[in-house]
Amino acid sequence: MPNIVSDIVEVCVFRRVNGVPEYLILRRAPKEQLYPNIWQLISGTLDAGEHALQGALREVKEEIGLAPVNFWVVPFMNSFYVAATDTVHLSCLFAAEVSSGSEPTLSSEHQAFGWFSCEEAERLLVWPGQRRSLRFVHEYIVGGTETARVSRVDPSTL
């Protein structure tokens, strides 16, 4: 029977330029052991005992060096199976809005970035779960639904 773990977080980062959302997609560095050169959302493993929301904010800072102006706990979980470890992973999803002129400073884990429309970003993302995550954020968070209002958190209060 596979193990089930939830020690990974994903963050969909976006900005609004003249009211139009642009999504930040990162390209992993060629030297990365796991999935080199693929395009992805921010993702990372939680530290032992770390709260998922705090880990998501840490990953944003570590991977792109930006501070969100708005942050959401997204009511969607990404899941995937790793055969080598017989493990089902459940990833908490967060959304982070950065200011319109923001440009990331990449960590050594990534070689490139781009700001894309939702449709362009979906075409770049390798994993179906990340495509679904992006689409969910686009429709329910960026789209300004009631979901966005009730799931927004103030990261400064943590």
C-alpha atoms as a PDB file:
ATOM      1  CA  MET A   1       0.000   0.000   0.000  1.00  0.00           C
ATOM      2  CA  PRO A   2       1.488   3.390  -0.948  1.00  0.00           C
ATOM      3  CA  ASN A   3       2.426   5.971   1.639  1.00  0.00           C
ATOM      4  CA  ILE A   4       0.559   9.273   1.523  1.00  0.00           C
ATOM      5  CA  VAL A   5       2.515  12.425   2.315  1.00  0.00           C
ATOM      6  CA  SER A   6       1.813  16.132   2.156  1.00  0.00           C
ATOM      7  CA  ASP A   7       5.185  17.836   2.439  1.00  0.00           C
ATOM      8  CA  ILE A   8       5.269  19.801  -0.819  1.00  0.00           C
ATOM      9  CA  VAL A   9       3.792  23.230  -1.510  1.00  0.00           C
ATOM     10  CA  GLU A  10       3.128  24.935  -4.835  1.00  0.00           C
ATOM     11  CA  VAL A  11       2.677  28.642  -5.405  1.00  0.00           C
ATOM     12  CA  CYS A  12       1.157  30.225  -8.496  1.00  0.00           C
ATOM     13  CA  VAL A  13       2.616  33.740  -8.780  1.00  0.00           C
ATOM     14  CA  PHE A  14       0.954  36.409 -10.883  1.00  0.00           C
ATOM     15  CA  ARG A  15       0.960  40.132 -11.471  1.00  0.00           C
ATOM     16  CA  ARG A  16      -1.520  42.436 -13.161  1.00  0.00           C
ATOM     17  CA  VAL A  17      -0.214  44.713 -15.909  1.00  0.00           C
ATOM     18  CA  ASN A  18      -2.854  47.253 -16.962  1.00  0.00           C
ATOM     19  CA  GLY A  19      -5.443  44.958 -15.360  1.00  0.00           C
ATOM     20  CA  VAL A  20      -4.339  41.886 -17.348  1.00  0.00           C
ATOM     21  CA  PRO A  21      -2.961  38.926 -15.349  1.00  0.00           C
ATOM     22  CA  GLU A  22       0.468  37.531 -16.173  1.00  0.00           C
ATOM     23  CA  TYR A  23       1.670  34.285 -14.601  1.00  0.00           C
ATOM     24  CA  LEU A  24       5.255  33.611 -13.589  1.00  0.00           C
ATOM     25  CA  ILE A  25       6.600  30.310 -14.864  1.00  0.00           C
ATOM     26  CA  LEU A  26      10.117  29.167 -13.957  1.00  0.00           C
ATOM     27  CA  ARG A  27      12.449  26.910 -15.918  1.00  0.00           C
ATOM     28  CA  ARG A  28      14.473  24.512 -13.798  1.00  0.00           C
ATOM     29  CA  ALA A  29      18.254  24.637 -14.101  1.00  0.00           C
ATOM     30  CA  PRO A  30      19.947  21.990 -16.260  1.00  0.00           C
ATOM     31  CA  LYS A  31      22.008  20.777 -13.291  1.00  0.00           C
ATOM     32  CA  GLU A  32      18.939  19.938 -11.188  1.00  0.00           C
ATOM     33  CA  GLN A  33      18.801  16.212 -10.497  1.00  0.00           C
ATOM     34  CA  LEU A  34      15.016  16.085 -10.532  1.00  0.00           C
ATOM     35  CA  TYR A  35      13.327  17.215 -13.777  1.00  0.00           C
ATOM     36  CA  PRO A  36      16.029  19.488 -15.236  1.00  0.00           C
ATOM     37  CA  ASN A  37      14.953  22.096 -17.813  1.00  0.00           C
ATOM     38  CA  ILE A  38      11.192  21.776 -17.283  1.00  0.00           C
ATOM     39  CA  TRP A  39       8.896  24.774 -16.827  1.00  0.00           C
ATOM     40  CA  GLN A  40       6.981  24.862 -13.540  1.00  0.00           C
ATOM     41  CA  LEU A  41       5.217  26.836 -10.853  1.00  0.00           C
ATOM     42  CA  ILE A  42       7.121  27.555  -7.666  1.00  0.00           C
ATOM     43  CA  SER A  43       7.304  24.347  -5.684  1.00  0.00           C
ATOM     44  CA  GLY A  44       9.265  23.099  -2.733  1.00  0.00           C
ATOM     45  CA  THR A  45       9.471  20.733   0.172  1.00  0.00           C
ATOM     46  CA  LEU A  46       8.444  21.837   3.643  1.00  0.00           C
ATOM     47  CA  ASP A  47      11.017  21.843   6.416  1.00  0.00           C
ATOM     48  CA  ALA A  48      10.368  19.485   9.328  1.00  0.00           C
ATOM     49  CA  GLY A  49       7.480  20.865  11.391  1.00  0.00           C
ATOM     50  CA  GLU A  50       6.954  23.834   9.057  1.00  0.00           C
ATOM     51  CA  HIS A  51       3.431  25.180   8.549  1.00  0.00           C
ATOM     52  CA  ALA A  52       2.453  24.874   4.857  1.00  0.00           C
ATOM     53  CA  LEU A  53       1.555  28.555   4.521  1.00  0.00           C
ATOM     54  CA  GLN A  54       4.872  29.648   6.009  1.00  0.00           C
ATOM     55  CA  GLY A  55       6.706  27.196   3.762  1.00  0.00           C
ATOM     56  CA  ALA A  56       4.957  28.614   0.690  1.00  0.00           C
ATOM     57  CA  LEU A  57       5.994  32.160   1.623  1.00  0.00           C
ATOM     58  CA  ARG A  58       9.566  30.952   2.251  1.00  0.00           C
ATOM     59  CA  GLU A  59       9.681  29.261  -1.154  1.00  0.00           C
ATOM     60  CA  VAL A  60       8.529  32.471  -2.873  1.00  0.00           C
ATOM     61  CA  LYS A  61      11.296  34.418  -1.161  1.00  0.00           C
ATOM     62  CA  GLU A  62      13.970  31.766  -1.802  1.00  0.00           C
ATOM     63  CA  GLU A  63      13.102  30.994  -5.424  1.00  0.00           C
ATOM     64  CA  ILE A  64      12.251  34.449  -6.786  1.00  0.00           C
ATOM     65  CA  GLY A  65      13.182  36.988  -4.085  1.00  0.00           C
ATOM     66  CA  LEU A  66       9.819  38.765  -4.144  1.00  0.00           C
ATOM     67  CA  ALA A  67       7.316  39.639  -1.423  1.00  0.00           C
ATOM     68  CA  PRO A  68       3.648  39.130  -2.322  1.00  0.00           C
ATOM     69  CA  VAL A  69       1.251  42.064  -2.061  1.00  0.00           C
ATOM     70  CA  ASN A  70      -1.650  39.579  -1.802  1.00  0.00           C
ATOM     71  CA  PHE A  71      -1.655  35.910  -0.841  1.00  0.00           C
ATOM     72  CA  TRP A  72      -4.291  33.165  -0.933  1.00  0.00           C
ATOM     73  CA  VAL A  73      -4.752  29.660   0.375  1.00  0.00           C
ATOM     74  CA  VAL A  74      -6.216  28.063  -2.736  1.00  0.00           C
ATOM     75  CA  PRO A  75      -8.903  25.415  -2.089  1.00  0.00           C
ATOM     76  CA  PHE A  76      -7.306  22.944  -4.485  1.00  0.00           C
ATOM     77  CA  MET A  77      -4.808  20.133  -3.916  1.00  0.00           C
ATOM     78  CA  ASN A  78      -2.433  18.807  -6.540  1.00  0.00           C
ATOM     79  CA  SER A  79      -1.689  15.103  -6.254  1.00  0.00           C
ATOM     80  CA  PHE A  80       0.793  12.794  -7.925  1.00  0.00           C
ATOM     81  CA  TYR A  81       2.300   9.359  -7.460  1.00  0.00           C
ATOM     82  CA  VAL A  82       6.026   8.510  -7.367  1.00  0.00           C
ATOM     83  CA  ALA A  83       6.525   4.854  -8.267  1.00  0.00           C
ATOM     84  CA  ALA A  84      10.148   4.687  -7.050  1.00  0.00           C
ATOM     85  CA  THR A  85       9.053   5.360  -3.462  1.00  0.00           C
ATOM     86  CA  ASP A  86       5.477   4.068  -3.767  1.00  0.00           C
ATOM     87  CA  THR A  87       4.283   7.406  -2.459  1.00  0.00           C
ATOM     88  CA  VAL A  88       1.227   9.521  -3.174  1.00  0.00           C
ATOM     89  CA  HIS A  89       2.024  13.209  -2.712  1.00  0.00           C
ATOM     90  CA  LEU A  90      -0.615  15.829  -1.888  1.00  0.00           C
ATOM     91  CA  SER A  91       0.534  19.401  -2.503  1.00  0.00           C
ATOM     92  CA  CYS A  92      -1.114  22.421  -0.946  1.00  0.00           C
ATOM     93  CA  LEU A  93      -1.624  25.230  -3.449  1.00  0.00           C
ATOM     94  CA  PHE A  94      -1.212  28.933  -2.808  1.00  0.00           C
ATOM     95  CA  ALA A  95      -1.503  32.020  -5.008  1.00  0.00           C
ATOM     96  CA  ALA A  96       0.724  35.070  -4.671  1.00  0.00           C
ATOM     97  CA  GLU A  97       0.169  38.409  -6.372  1.00  0.00           C
ATOM     98  CA  VAL A  98       3.233  40.593  -6.784  1.00  0.00           C
ATOM     99  CA  SER A  99       3.289  44.231  -7.867  1.00  0.00           C
ATOM    100  CA  SER A 100       2.953  44.989 -11.581  1.00  0.00           C
ATOM    101  CA  GLY A 101       6.584  45.957 -12.173  1.00  0.00           C
ATOM    102  CA  SER A 102       8.056  43.057 -10.223  1.00  0.00           C
ATOM    103  CA  GLU A 103      10.876  41.013 -11.698  1.00  0.00           C
ATOM    104  CA  PRO A 104      12.212  37.920  -9.946  1.00  0.00           C
ATOM    105  CA  THR A 105      15.740  37.227  -8.834  1.00  0.00           C
ATOM    106  CA  LEU A 106      16.103  33.522  -9.496  1.00  0.00           C
ATOM    107  CA  SER A 107      17.720  31.034  -7.161  1.00  0.00           C
ATOM    108  CA  SER A 108      20.256  28.533  -8.492  1.00  0.00           C
ATOM    109  CA  GLU A 109      17.392  26.037  -8.939  1.00  0.00           C
ATOM    110  CA  HIS A 110      16.169  27.900 -12.025  1.00  0.00           C
ATOM    111  CA  GLN A 111      17.735  29.142 -15.234  1.00  0.00           C
ATOM    112  CA  ALA A 112      14.945  31.260 -16.716  1.00  0.00           C
ATOM    113  CA  PHE A 113      11.533  32.764 -16.118  1.00  0.00           C
ATOM    114  CA  GLY A 114       8.757  34.331 -18.079  1.00  0.00           C
ATOM    115  CA  TRP A 115       5.496  36.178 -17.527  1.00  0.00           C
ATOM    116  CA  PHE A 116       2.760  34.533 -19.560  1.00  0.00           C
ATOM    117  CA  SER A 117      -0.970  34.596 -20.167  1.00  0.00           C
ATOM    118  CA  CYS A 118      -2.836  31.690 -18.594  1.00  0.00           C
ATOM    119  CA  GLU A 119      -3.069  29.919 -21.950  1.00  0.00           C
ATOM    120  CA  GLU A 120       0.636  30.377 -22.741  1.00  0.00           C
ATOM    121  CA  ALA A 121       1.641  29.193 -19.271  1.00  0.00           C
ATOM    122  CA  GLU A 122      -0.570  26.110 -19.543  1.00  0.00           C
ATOM    123  CA  ARG A 123       1.222  25.115 -22.750  1.00  0.00           C
ATOM    124  CA  LEU A 124       4.625  25.351 -21.045  1.00  0.00           C
ATOM    125  CA  LEU A 125       3.793  23.441 -17.871  1.00  0.00           C
ATOM    126  CA  VAL A 126       4.725  19.751 -18.070  1.00  0.00           C
ATOM    127  CA  TRP A 127       2.566  18.359 -15.282  1.00  0.00           C
ATOM    128  CA  PRO A 128      -1.221  18.129 -15.726  1.00  0.00           C
ATOM    129  CA  GLY A 129      -1.682  18.870 -12.019  1.00  0.00           C
ATOM    130  CA  GLN A 130       0.162  22.168 -12.331  1.00  0.00           C
ATOM    131  CA  ARG A 131      -1.926  23.061 -15.380  1.00  0.00           C
ATOM    132  CA  ARG A 132      -5.081  22.423 -13.323  1.00  0.00           C
ATOM    133  CA  SER A 133      -3.629  24.463 -10.440  1.00  0.00           C
ATOM    134  CA  LEU A 134      -2.918  27.393 -12.752  1.00  0.00           C
ATOM    135  CA  ARG A 135      -6.397  27.225 -14.299  1.00  0.00           C
ATOM    136  CA  PHE A 136      -8.021  27.082 -10.839  1.00  0.00           C
ATOM    137  CA  VAL A 137      -6.066  30.162  -9.696  1.00  0.00           C
ATOM    138  CA  HIS A 138      -6.940  31.979 -12.925  1.00  0.00           C
ATOM    139  CA  GLU A 139     -10.662  31.279 -12.649  1.00  0.00           C
ATOM    140  CA  TYR A 140     -11.276  31.499  -8.905  1.00  0.00           C
ATOM    141  CA  ILE A 141      -8.580  33.771  -7.456  1.00  0.00           C
ATOM    142  CA  VAL A 142      -7.556  36.147 -10.250  1.00  0.00           C
ATOM    143  CA  GLY A 143     -11.120  36.082 -11.570  1.00  0.00           C
ATOM    144  CA  GLY A 144     -12.223  37.781  -8.365  1.00  0.00           C
ATOM    145  CA  THR A 145     -14.859  35.296  -7.268  1.00  0.00           C
ATOM    146  CA  GLU A 146     -16.130  34.872  -3.724  1.00  0.00           C
ATOM    147  CA  THR A 147     -13.461  32.170  -3.398  1.00  0.00           C
ATOM    148  CA  ALA A 148     -10.782  34.853  -3.683  1.00  0.00           C
ATOM    149  CA  ARG A 149     -12.395  36.983  -1.010  1.00  0.00           C
ATOM    150  CA  VAL A 150     -12.734  34.234   1.578  1.00  0.00           C
ATOM    151  CA  SER A 151      -9.387  32.496   0.970  1.00  0.00           C
ATOM    152  CA  ARG A 152      -7.132  35.575   1.061  1.00  0.00           C
ATOM    153  CA  VAL A 153      -4.677  35.683   3.955  1.00  0.00           C
ATOM    154  CA  ASP A 154      -2.464  38.443   5.272  1.00  0.00           C
ATOM    155  CA  PRO A 155       1.062  36.995   5.278  1.00  0.00           C
ATOM    156  CA  SER A 156       2.286  39.679   7.689  1.00  0.00           C
ATOM    157  CA  THR A 157       0.151  38.188  10.463  1.00  0.00           C
ATOM    158  CA  LEU A 158       1.996  34.860  10.484  1.00  0.00           C
END
